[in-house]
C-alpha atoms as a PDB file:
ATOM      1  CA  MET A   1     -17.980 -53.223 -66.724  1.00  0.00           C
ATOM      2  CA  ASP A   2     -18.655 -55.230 -63.169  1.00  0.00           C
ATOM      3  CA  GLU A   3     -18.485 -53.942 -60.483  1.00  0.00           C
ATOM      4  CA  THR A   4     -17.809 -57.339 -58.123  1.00  0.00           C
ATOM      5  CA  THR A   5     -15.127 -58.420 -61.215  1.00  0.00           C
ATOM      6  CA  GLU A   6     -12.064 -59.065 -58.291  1.00  0.00           C
ATOM      7  CA  TRP A   7      -8.892 -57.558 -60.751  1.00  0.00           C
ATOM      8  CA  LEU A   8      -5.364 -58.551 -60.068  1.00  0.00           C
ATOM      9  CA  THR A   9      -1.799 -56.347 -60.573  1.00  0.00           C
ATOM     10  CA  VAL A  10       0.652 -58.743 -62.226  1.00  0.00           C
ATOM     11  CA  PRO A  11       3.059 -59.731 -59.701  1.00  0.00           C
ATOM     12  CA  ASP A  12      -0.298 -60.513 -57.599  1.00  0.00           C
ATOM     13  CA  PHE A  13      -1.983 -62.194 -60.872  1.00  0.00           C
ATOM     14  CA  ALA A  14       1.886 -63.922 -61.135  1.00  0.00           C
ATOM     15  CA  SER A  15       1.731 -65.046 -57.667  1.00  0.00           C
ATOM     16  CA  ALA A  16      -1.628 -67.142 -57.828  1.00  0.00           C
ATOM     17  CA  LEU A  17      -0.769 -68.443 -61.236  1.00  0.00           C
ATOM     18  CA  GLY A  18       3.173 -69.507 -59.511  1.00  0.00           C
ATOM     19  CA  VAL A  19       5.354 -68.018 -61.963  1.00  0.00           C
ATOM     20  CA  GLU A  20       7.512 -64.585 -61.992  1.00  0.00           C
ATOM     21  CA  ALA A  21       5.980 -61.567 -63.122  1.00  0.00           C
ATOM     22  CA  SER A  22       8.059 -61.491 -66.345  1.00  0.00           C
ATOM     23  CA  ALA A  23       5.954 -64.382 -67.225  1.00  0.00           C
ATOM     24  CA  VAL A  24       2.513 -62.733 -66.875  1.00  0.00           C
ATOM     25  CA  ARG A  25       4.590 -59.813 -68.735  1.00  0.00           C
ATOM     26  CA  GLU A  26       5.806 -62.142 -71.507  1.00  0.00           C
ATOM     27  CA  LEU A  27       1.832 -63.558 -71.839  1.00  0.00           C
ATOM     28  CA  LEU A  28       0.755 -59.778 -72.094  1.00  0.00           C
ATOM     29  CA  ARG A  29       3.636 -59.165 -74.896  1.00  0.00           C
ATOM     30  CA  GLN A  30       2.148 -62.184 -76.677  1.00  0.00           C
ATOM     31  CA  ARG A  31      -1.751 -61.340 -76.453  1.00  0.00           C
ATOM     32  CA  GLN A  32      -2.489 -64.616 -74.731  1.00  0.00           C
ATOM     33  CA  LEU A  33      -3.944 -62.311 -71.773  1.00  0.00           C
ATOM     34  CA  ILE A  34      -4.561 -58.662 -71.716  1.00  0.00           C
ATOM     35  CA  ALA A  35      -4.705 -56.168 -69.401  1.00  0.00           C
ATOM     36  CA  LEU A  36      -5.979 -52.533 -68.504  1.00  0.00           C
ATOM     37  CA  ARG A  37      -4.754 -49.546 -66.025  1.00  0.00           C
ATOM     38  CA  ARG A  38      -6.812 -49.091 -63.084  1.00  0.00           C
ATOM     39  CA  GLY A  39      -6.920 -48.233 -59.699  1.00  0.00           C
ATOM     40  CA  PRO A  40      -5.206 -45.496 -57.513  1.00  0.00           C
ATOM     41  CA  ARG A  41      -2.111 -46.350 -58.281  1.00  0.00           C
ATOM     42  CA  ASP A  42      -3.276 -46.895 -62.437  1.00  0.00           C
ATOM     43  CA  THR A  43      -1.150 -50.690 -62.490  1.00  0.00           C
ATOM     44  CA  TRP A  44      -1.923 -52.556 -65.163  1.00  0.00           C
ATOM     45  CA  GLN A  45      -4.378 -55.279 -63.795  1.00  0.00           C
ATOM     46  CA  LEU A  46      -6.124 -58.540 -65.046  1.00  0.00           C
ATOM     47  CA  PRO A  47      -8.965 -60.424 -63.617  1.00  0.00           C
ATOM     48  CA  ALA A  48      -9.192 -63.377 -61.680  1.00  0.00           C
ATOM     49  CA  GLY A  49     -11.119 -64.738 -64.084  1.00  0.00           C
ATOM     50  CA  PHE A  50      -8.720 -65.806 -66.338  1.00  0.00           C
ATOM     51  CA  ILE A  51      -6.656 -67.977 -64.042  1.00  0.00           C
ATOM     52  CA  HIS A  52      -8.769 -71.717 -63.689  1.00  0.00           C
ATOM     53  CA  GLU A  53      -7.571 -74.340 -61.764  1.00  0.00           C
ATOM     54  CA  HIS A  54      -6.853 -77.826 -63.708  1.00  0.00           C
ATOM     55  CA  GLU A  55      -5.971 -81.155 -62.436  1.00  0.00           C
ATOM     56  CA  GLY A  56      -4.767 -79.135 -59.151  1.00  0.00           C
ATOM     57  CA  ALA A  57      -3.287 -76.852 -60.103  1.00  0.00           C
ATOM     58  CA  PRO A  58      -3.272 -73.395 -61.388  1.00  0.00           C
ATOM     59  CA  ARG A  59      -3.165 -71.880 -65.026  1.00  0.00           C
ATOM     60  CA  VAL A  60      -4.433 -69.937 -67.860  1.00  0.00           C
ATOM     61  CA  LEU A  61      -7.747 -70.205 -68.874  1.00  0.00           C
ATOM     62  CA  PRO A  62      -6.653 -72.422 -71.705  1.00  0.00           C
ATOM     63  CA  THR A  63      -9.694 -71.154 -74.217  1.00  0.00           C
ATOM     64  CA  LEU A  64      -8.895 -67.490 -73.605  1.00  0.00           C
ATOM     65  CA  ALA A  65      -6.100 -66.549 -76.109  1.00  0.00           C
ATOM     66  CA  GLY A  66      -8.194 -67.679 -78.775  1.00  0.00           C
ATOM     67  CA  THR A  67     -11.349 -65.193 -77.615  1.00  0.00           C
ATOM     68  CA  ILE A  68      -9.540 -62.050 -77.162  1.00  0.00           C
ATOM     69  CA  THR A  69      -7.919 -62.900 -80.506  1.00  0.00           C
ATOM     70  CA  VAL A  70     -11.048 -63.260 -82.010  1.00  0.00           C
ATOM     71  CA  LEU A  71     -12.312 -59.957 -81.138  1.00  0.00           C
ATOM     72  CA  ALA A  72      -8.948 -58.064 -81.527  1.00  0.00           C
ATOM     73  CA  ASP A  73      -8.306 -59.107 -85.385  1.00  0.00           C
ATOM     74  CA  ALA A  74     -12.613 -57.890 -85.844  1.00  0.00           C
ATOM     75  CA  GLY A  75     -10.440 -54.406 -84.497  1.00  0.00           C
ATOM     76  CA  PHE A  76     -11.519 -54.131 -81.147  1.00  0.00           C
ATOM     77  CA  PRO A  77      -9.446 -52.748 -78.527  1.00  0.00           C
ATOM     78  CA  ASP A  78      -8.440 -55.210 -75.448  1.00  0.00           C
ATOM     79  CA  ASP A  79     -10.635 -52.185 -72.994  1.00  0.00           C
ATOM     80  CA  GLU A  80     -13.588 -53.261 -75.275  1.00  0.00           C
ATOM     81  CA  ILE A  81     -12.696 -57.139 -74.801  1.00  0.00           C
ATOM     82  CA  LEU A  82     -12.191 -57.203 -71.430  1.00  0.00           C
ATOM     83  CA  GLU A  83     -15.565 -54.910 -70.757  1.00  0.00           C
ATOM     84  CA  TRP A  84     -17.208 -57.938 -73.516  1.00  0.00           C
ATOM     85  CA  LEU A  85     -16.093 -60.777 -71.804  1.00  0.00           C
ATOM     86  CA  LEU A  86     -16.342 -59.353 -68.171  1.00  0.00           C
ATOM     87  CA  ALA A  87     -20.588 -58.057 -69.177  1.00  0.00           C
ATOM     88  CA  GLU A  88     -23.448 -60.533 -68.898  1.00  0.00           C
ATOM     89  CA  SER A  89     -24.228 -62.016 -72.133  1.00  0.00           C
ATOM     90  CA  GLU A  90     -28.171 -63.022 -72.925  1.00  0.00           C
ATOM     91  CA  PRO A  91     -28.014 -65.087 -75.308  1.00  0.00           C
ATOM     92  CA  LEU A  92     -25.519 -67.217 -73.013  1.00  0.00           C
ATOM     93  CA  GLY A  93     -26.794 -66.992 -69.935  1.00  0.00           C
ATOM     94  CA  THR A  94     -23.922 -65.277 -67.923  1.00  0.00           C
ATOM     95  CA  THR A  95     -20.693 -63.220 -68.945  1.00  0.00           C
ATOM     96  CA  PRO A  96     -18.759 -64.991 -72.203  1.00  0.00           C
ATOM     97  CA  LEU A  97     -15.615 -65.469 -69.388  1.00  0.00           C
ATOM     98  CA  GLU A  98     -17.822 -67.343 -66.997  1.00  0.00           C
ATOM     99  CA  ALA A  99     -19.300 -68.993 -69.963  1.00  0.00           C
ATOM    100  CA  LEU A 100     -15.217 -69.718 -71.189  1.00  0.00           C
ATOM    101  CA  ARG A 101     -14.494 -71.243 -67.452  1.00  0.00           C
ATOM    102  CA  GLU A 102     -17.357 -73.654 -68.214  1.00  0.00           C
ATOM    103  CA  GLY A 103     -16.169 -75.412 -70.900  1.00  0.00           C
ATOM    104  CA  ARG A 104     -18.707 -73.804 -73.124  1.00  0.00           C
ATOM    105  CA  ARG A 105     -15.838 -72.068 -75.851  1.00  0.00           C
ATOM    106  CA  ALA A 106     -18.206 -73.290 -78.975  1.00  0.00           C
ATOM    107  CA  PRO A 107     -20.914 -70.289 -77.512  1.00  0.00           C
ATOM    108  CA  VAL A 108     -18.632 -67.526 -76.733  1.00  0.00           C
ATOM    109  CA  ARG A 109     -16.652 -67.945 -79.976  1.00  0.00           C
ATOM    110  CA  ARG A 110     -20.182 -67.874 -81.834  1.00  0.00           C
ATOM    111  CA  ALA A 111     -21.116 -64.857 -79.915  1.00  0.00           C
ATOM    112  CA  ALA A 112     -17.923 -63.198 -80.634  1.00  0.00           C
ATOM    113  CA  GLN A 113     -18.874 -63.498 -83.861  1.00  0.00           C
ATOM    114  CA  MET A 114     -22.079 -61.848 -84.144  1.00  0.00           C
ATOM    115  CA  LEU A 115     -20.034 -59.187 -82.762  1.00  0.00           C
ATOM    116  CA  LEU A 116     -18.692 -58.437 -86.091  1.00  0.00           C
END
């Protein structure tokens, strides 16, 4: 994974969204988000890039959950899904996460389906 990725703990991610940590944990349970255990304290962390500004308010990137589902249904574990989302993709010219942030859902989903 890219060393420049900013990672947030669940409480920090929740704070950035303006919600309680329990709401983020529920999104994790529902597989709308995924996280990894990282850092010296082995805490659950999520990429800050999962948060997207929409009409001046922070929210979870809306196309993220569907992309996670495509990869999870293909049998990819969470760590590999995160690795793929954060790795430079030659066909996309950027990382899949950045392409999703740019509104390029269809090319990202096609790239994900090519992994199957």
